[in-house]
Amino acid sequence: MFGGVGYLLRGNMSVGVHKNDLIVRVGEAAYGDALKKPHARVFDITGRVMKGWVMVAPAGVKDNKILKAWVDLGVKFAASLPPKL
């Protein structure tokens, strides 16, 4: 889909990796708050912003506790969606 690695939960993407960045699917409700976090930015690799998704630079996931928080956020959102099986 985006030339990287993606992790699915019941068929819905939760997190992934594009080049050196972590991609997190946070949903539209958490989107604004997620963008305020250090090293987070909009997910735009094609010239079209994907709302509800953020990219996190490597500096933003150096700490395992922070990486886990990002992954948990993506998993929480993906778990809230109906399965795509």
C-alpha atoms as a PDB file:
ATOM      1  CA  MET A   1       0.000   0.000   0.000  1.00  0.00           C
ATOM      2  CA  PHE A   2       2.705   2.505   0.954  1.00  0.00           C
ATOM      3  CA  GLY A   3       5.954   0.670   0.242  1.00  0.00           C
ATOM      4  CA  GLY A   4       6.646  -0.315   3.840  1.00  0.00           C
ATOM      5  CA  VAL A   5       5.783  -2.884   6.475  1.00  0.00           C
ATOM      6  CA  GLY A   6       2.338  -2.842   8.061  1.00  0.00           C
ATOM      7  CA  TYR A   7       0.874  -4.713  11.010  1.00  0.00           C
ATOM      8  CA  LEU A   8      -2.759  -5.725  10.911  1.00  0.00           C
ATOM      9  CA  LEU A   9      -5.215  -6.513  13.663  1.00  0.00           C
ATOM     10  CA  ARG A  10      -8.228  -8.474  12.386  1.00  0.00           C
ATOM     11  CA  GLY A  11      -7.458  -7.128   8.908  1.00  0.00           C
ATOM     12  CA  ASN A  12      -7.128  -3.460   9.943  1.00  0.00           C
ATOM     13  CA  MET A  13      -3.760  -1.754   9.907  1.00  0.00           C
ATOM     14  CA  SER A  14      -2.602  -0.452  13.271  1.00  0.00           C
ATOM     15  CA  VAL A  15       1.054   0.508  12.825  1.00  0.00           C
ATOM     16  CA  GLY A  16       3.712   0.242  10.182  1.00  0.00           C
ATOM     17  CA  VAL A  17       7.110   1.390   9.042  1.00  0.00           C
ATOM     18  CA  HIS A  18       7.798   3.596   6.039  1.00  0.00           C
ATOM     19  CA  LYS A  19      11.491   4.119   5.369  1.00  0.00           C
ATOM     20  CA  ASN A  20      12.733   5.131   8.858  1.00  0.00           C
ATOM     21  CA  ASP A  21       9.448   6.407  10.252  1.00  0.00           C
ATOM     22  CA  LEU A  22       6.815   4.701  12.344  1.00  0.00           C
ATOM     23  CA  ILE A  23       3.304   5.056  10.937  1.00  0.00           C
ATOM     24  CA  VAL A  24       0.469   4.938  13.443  1.00  0.00           C
ATOM     25  CA  ARG A  25      -3.233   4.742  12.670  1.00  0.00           C
ATOM     26  CA  VAL A  26      -4.801   6.768  15.467  1.00  0.00           C
ATOM     27  CA  GLY A  27      -8.213   7.637  14.016  1.00  0.00           C
ATOM     28  CA  GLU A  28      -9.674  11.081  13.540  1.00  0.00           C
ATOM     29  CA  ALA A  29     -10.683  11.559  17.198  1.00  0.00           C
ATOM     30  CA  ALA A  30      -7.078  11.173  18.449  1.00  0.00           C
ATOM     31  CA  TYR A  31      -5.441  12.760  15.395  1.00  0.00           C
ATOM     32  CA  GLY A  32      -5.008  16.301  16.746  1.00  0.00           C
ATOM     33  CA  ASP A  33      -3.522  15.170  20.050  1.00  0.00           C
ATOM     34  CA  ALA A  34      -1.203  12.700  18.334  1.00  0.00           C
ATOM     35  CA  LEU A  35       0.202  15.441  16.093  1.00  0.00           C
ATOM     36  CA  LYS A  36       1.119  17.481  19.179  1.00  0.00           C
ATOM     37  CA  LYS A  37       3.477  14.770  20.427  1.00  0.00           C
ATOM     38  CA  PRO A  38       7.226  15.178  19.870  1.00  0.00           C
ATOM     39  CA  HIS A  39       8.515  14.079  16.458  1.00  0.00           C
ATOM     40  CA  ALA A  40       5.013  13.364  15.091  1.00  0.00           C
ATOM     41  CA  ARG A  41       3.790  14.812  11.815  1.00  0.00           C
ATOM     42  CA  VAL A  42       1.065  14.278   9.246  1.00  0.00           C
ATOM     43  CA  PHE A  43       1.216  11.119   7.162  1.00  0.00           C
ATOM     44  CA  ASP A  44       1.769  12.428   3.660  1.00  0.00           C
ATOM     45  CA  ILE A  45       3.916  10.394   1.303  1.00  0.00           C
ATOM     46  CA  THR A  46       1.955  11.057  -1.891  1.00  0.00           C
ATOM     47  CA  GLY A  47       1.019  14.729  -1.640  1.00  0.00           C
ATOM     48  CA  ARG A  48      -2.281  13.815  -0.026  1.00  0.00           C
ATOM     49  CA  VAL A  49      -2.530  13.955   3.778  1.00  0.00           C
ATOM     50  CA  MET A  50      -4.065  10.851   5.335  1.00  0.00           C
ATOM     51  CA  LYS A  51      -6.083  12.117   8.277  1.00  0.00           C
ATOM     52  CA  GLY A  52      -6.216   9.771  11.222  1.00  0.00           C
ATOM     53  CA  TRP A  53      -2.661   8.587  10.576  1.00  0.00           C
ATOM     54  CA  VAL A  54       0.611  10.065  11.856  1.00  0.00           C
ATOM     55  CA  MET A  55       4.259   9.519  11.078  1.00  0.00           C
ATOM     56  CA  VAL A  56       6.758   9.471  13.930  1.00  0.00           C
ATOM     57  CA  ALA A  57      10.423  10.207  13.247  1.00  0.00           C
ATOM     58  CA  PRO A  58      13.033   7.803  14.633  1.00  0.00           C
ATOM     59  CA  ALA A  59      13.897  10.249  17.426  1.00  0.00           C
ATOM     60  CA  GLY A  60      10.321   9.915  18.642  1.00  0.00           C
ATOM     61  CA  VAL A  61      10.549   6.173  19.258  1.00  0.00           C
ATOM     62  CA  LYS A  62      14.059   5.708  20.642  1.00  0.00           C
ATOM     63  CA  ASP A  63      12.685   4.960  24.090  1.00  0.00           C
ATOM     64  CA  ASN A  64      10.900   1.587  24.337  1.00  0.00           C
ATOM     65  CA  LYS A  65       8.239   3.023  26.648  1.00  0.00           C
ATOM     66  CA  ILE A  66       7.340   5.717  24.108  1.00  0.00           C
ATOM     67  CA  LEU A  67       7.418   3.224  21.221  1.00  0.00           C
ATOM     68  CA  LYS A  68       5.054   0.964  23.160  1.00  0.00           C
ATOM     69  CA  ALA A  69       2.690   3.889  23.777  1.00  0.00           C
ATOM     70  CA  TRP A  70       2.540   4.604  20.029  1.00  0.00           C
ATOM     71  CA  VAL A  71       1.981   0.944  19.174  1.00  0.00           C
ATOM     72  CA  ASP A  72      -0.708   0.672  21.867  1.00  0.00           C
ATOM     73  CA  LEU A  73      -2.469   3.704  20.396  1.00  0.00           C
ATOM     74  CA  GLY A  74      -2.496   2.139  16.933  1.00  0.00           C
ATOM     75  CA  VAL A  75      -3.654  -1.236  18.247  1.00  0.00           C
ATOM     76  CA  LYS A  76      -6.406   0.395  20.309  1.00  0.00           C
ATOM     77  CA  PHE A  77      -7.780   2.157  17.245  1.00  0.00           C
ATOM     78  CA  ALA A  78      -7.533  -0.909  14.989  1.00  0.00           C
ATOM     79  CA  ALA A  79      -9.291  -2.987  17.656  1.00  0.00           C
ATOM     80  CA  SER A  80     -12.198  -0.528  17.611  1.00  0.00           C
ATOM     81  CA  LEU A  81     -12.893  -1.261  13.931  1.00  0.00           C
ATOM     82  CA  PRO A  82     -14.977  -4.130  12.582  1.00  0.00           C
ATOM     83  CA  PRO A  83     -12.913  -7.086  11.366  1.00  0.00           C
ATOM     84  CA  LYS A  84     -11.975  -7.316   7.690  1.00  0.00           C
ATOM     85  CA  LEU A  85     -11.805 -11.041   7.312  1.00  0.00           C
END
